């Protein structure tokens, strides 16, 4: 087993910036990170991996070895450096769980069927306002659920898959808008929604947010659970 598709939050920092984003793949020797403006190959980075099932982020270092600089595949492969034995064991366990569920949905917030046992992170049902935009003005819609890695937005006008969108969320328990960028990784058309008896919309995977973004998402999920 080399690289497997799995989505979880990740923070990486260079000398000049810190970014909260999400992954696309994980392996024993490194991780594939989604990033719309990736650093150049050879850049040394500090990383915090929010692995599924872990209570806190796994701290490690990495070196960027492969870069895709544009389009929906934008991002980089970071090779681990100085990974502890405990960290390697955590990653091995995540990969083993993934291997036992090869058809798992890669992101908790995007599916509409009850597949909780297959998710990297659980989704949490909550209705809150979300504004999204591609190159045009923001459109006001509502979220149906949120997870650590993304949000499902109810809309009958979802952009195509792999579209990068800007979003602003009125998260539960917060009085200020939380901005982020994301990529459309799942769509439910109005026709599919009527056939399933569910809501039309899109699953958006979070990308390239500010350094306090993870705290805001975690606080919102904690608020939802307590409510």
Foldseek 3Di string as FASTA:
>chain_A
DAKAFAKFWKWKDAPPAIWIFIFGIDGLFWTWTAAQAEDDFQGKIWMWTPFQPDPGTQTFIWGWHDADHHALSGTTITTTDPRDPVNSVSRVVSVVLCVVVVPADRAAAFDDDPPQVRYRWHKFADWWWKWKDQPDDTDIFIWGIATLFWTWTFDQDDDDFSGKMWMWTPFPPDDGTAIFIWGFHHFQHPVNCVVVVHGTTTITTTYTGHPCNSVVRVVSVVNSVVD
